[in-house]
Amino acid sequence: MTVEQKPNFNKASQNQLVPAIITDATTGAILMLGYMNEASYDLTKSTGETWFWSRERETLWHKGETSGHTQRVVSMTLDCDLDTLLIQVMPNGQACHTGAYSCFFNSVSGETLTNNNQALVTNQWTTGDFPEA
């Protein structure tokens, strides 16, 4: 049975936003975490590219609008509570504003944070060339 469902944007604790976990549809790598309101969710569905709500600038933003690093949506999946999205994309370039393939490059071990900004080196995180699992 298929039922049209939308994320629950009305949870008081989430300020009418839902987290959107963005992964590379080819590699499975986690690229970034953004937040969507109802307008950015609707734009993402209608355009086939990711749109988010910027909590800092308090405005809609189209991923790649200035960098050209857009993300073409392959699939969107809601979690069991309808308050988190998992979005698989075909990225057109890096996901991170630092130039890294993924926004997740700071390793935490105990009290130590190691900045492994992969934009500084050429490897699987900057190229997206992950070995087959």
Protein backbone atom coordinates (compact mmCIF):
# COMPACT_ATOMS: atom_id res chain seq x y z
CA MET A 1 0.00 0.00 0.00
CA THR A 2 1.39 3.40 -0.98
CA VAL A 3 0.31 6.45 0.99
CA GLU A 4 1.48 10.02 0.36
CA GLN A 5 3.38 11.05 3.49
CA LYS A 6 5.14 14.27 4.33
CA PRO A 7 7.58 14.91 7.15
CA ASN A 8 6.09 16.11 10.42
CA PHE A 9 7.10 19.78 10.43
CA ASN A 10 4.87 20.51 13.44
CA LYS A 11 6.94 19.05 16.27
CA ALA A 12 7.45 21.91 18.72
CA SER A 13 10.96 20.78 19.68
CA GLN A 14 12.16 20.99 16.06
CA ASN A 15 11.06 24.54 15.19
CA GLN A 16 9.23 23.31 12.07
CA LEU A 17 12.45 21.83 10.71
CA VAL A 18 13.48 18.24 10.03
CA PRO A 19 17.07 17.02 9.74
CA ALA A 20 18.00 15.75 6.30
CA ILE A 21 20.90 13.30 6.13
CA ILE A 22 22.45 13.44 2.66
CA THR A 23 24.32 10.42 1.29
CA ASP A 24 26.04 9.68 -1.99
CA ALA A 25 23.79 7.21 -3.85
CA THR A 26 26.78 5.55 -5.51
CA THR A 27 29.22 5.20 -2.60
CA GLY A 28 26.84 5.31 0.37
CA ALA A 29 29.07 7.90 2.03
CA ILE A 30 27.42 10.41 4.34
CA LEU A 31 27.95 13.79 2.72
CA MET A 32 26.22 16.31 4.96
CA LEU A 33 23.40 17.11 7.34
CA GLY A 34 21.00 19.91 6.50
CA TYR A 35 17.65 21.07 7.77
CA MET A 36 14.45 21.32 5.75
CA ASN A 37 11.28 23.21 6.37
CA GLU A 38 8.13 22.51 4.41
CA ALA A 39 9.05 24.97 1.64
CA SER A 40 12.53 23.49 1.08
CA TYR A 41 11.07 19.97 1.17
CA ASP A 42 8.51 20.92 -1.50
CA LEU A 43 11.23 22.58 -3.64
CA THR A 44 13.43 19.50 -3.32
CA LYS A 45 10.58 17.28 -4.51
CA SER A 46 9.55 19.59 -7.37
CA THR A 47 13.06 20.38 -8.70
CA GLY A 48 14.79 17.04 -8.03
CA GLU A 49 17.71 18.86 -6.36
CA THR A 50 18.32 19.50 -2.67
CA TRP A 51 17.07 22.66 -0.97
CA PHE A 52 17.49 23.47 2.70
CA TRP A 53 16.57 26.03 5.31
CA SER A 54 19.57 27.96 6.60
CA ARG A 55 19.14 28.32 10.35
CA GLU A 56 21.92 30.91 10.46
CA ARG A 57 20.76 33.11 7.55
CA GLU A 58 17.08 32.25 8.06
CA THR A 59 16.47 31.73 4.37
CA LEU A 60 16.02 28.97 1.80
CA TRP A 61 19.15 27.81 0.02
CA HIS A 62 19.62 25.64 -3.02
CA LYS A 63 22.65 23.39 -2.55
CA GLY A 64 25.16 24.35 -5.21
CA GLU A 65 23.50 27.64 -6.11
CA THR A 66 26.80 29.53 -5.88
CA SER A 67 29.38 26.69 -6.07
CA GLY A 68 27.73 24.65 -8.81
CA HIS A 69 27.98 21.58 -6.54
CA THR A 70 24.35 20.61 -6.83
CA GLN A 71 22.87 17.36 -5.56
CA ARG A 72 20.43 15.45 -7.78
CA VAL A 73 17.97 13.51 -5.66
CA VAL A 74 17.83 9.76 -6.29
CA SER A 75 15.58 8.82 -3.37
CA MET A 76 14.04 10.24 -0.21
CA THR A 77 13.11 8.11 2.81
CA LEU A 78 11.36 9.19 6.00
CA ASP A 79 12.13 7.59 9.35
CA CYS A 80 9.52 5.85 11.50
CA ASP A 81 8.52 9.08 13.32
CA LEU A 82 8.29 11.10 10.08
CA ASP A 83 10.71 13.66 11.53
CA THR A 84 14.02 12.84 9.79
CA LEU A 85 14.84 12.44 6.10
CA LEU A 86 17.47 10.25 4.48
CA ILE A 87 18.18 11.57 0.99
CA GLN A 88 20.36 9.75 -1.51
CA VAL A 89 21.87 12.02 -4.14
CA MET A 90 24.17 12.07 -7.12
CA PRO A 91 26.53 14.90 -6.14
CA ASN A 92 27.93 17.27 -8.73
CA GLY A 93 31.09 18.06 -6.78
CA GLN A 94 31.97 18.39 -3.14
CA ALA A 95 29.32 18.60 -0.44
CA CYS A 96 31.28 20.67 2.07
CA HIS A 97 31.81 24.41 1.88
CA THR A 98 35.49 23.74 2.74
CA GLY A 99 35.92 21.90 -0.56
CA ALA A 100 35.88 18.43 1.00
CA TYR A 101 33.84 15.63 -0.53
CA SER A 102 32.01 15.14 2.80
CA CYS A 103 31.36 17.52 5.69
CA PHE A 104 32.37 14.76 8.11
CA PHE A 105 36.15 14.81 8.44
CA ASN A 106 36.91 15.79 12.06
CA SER A 107 37.95 12.68 13.99
CA VAL A 108 37.14 12.63 17.71
CA SER A 109 39.12 10.36 20.01
CA GLY A 110 38.82 10.89 23.75
CA GLU A 111 39.52 14.58 24.32
CA THR A 112 41.28 15.00 20.97
CA LEU A 113 39.78 16.45 17.81
CA THR A 114 41.81 15.86 14.66
CA ASN A 115 41.00 18.02 11.67
CA ASN A 116 41.32 15.71 8.69
CA ASN A 117 39.98 18.19 6.16
CA GLN A 118 40.21 16.02 3.09
CA ALA A 119 40.09 19.03 0.79
CA LEU A 120 43.77 19.40 1.54
CA VAL A 121 44.73 16.01 0.07
CA THR A 122 43.61 13.87 -2.83
CA ASN A 123 42.02 10.63 -1.69
CA GLN A 124 38.68 8.82 -1.55
CA TRP A 125 37.09 11.63 0.49
CA THR A 126 37.92 14.31 -2.07
CA THR A 127 37.27 12.19 -5.15
CA GLY A 128 34.41 10.02 -3.91
CA ASP A 129 36.21 6.93 -5.25
CA PHE A 130 35.44 4.39 -2.55
CA PRO A 131 36.40 0.74 -2.89
CA GLU A 132 33.54 -1.64 -3.61
CA ALA A 133 32.18 -3.22 -0.44
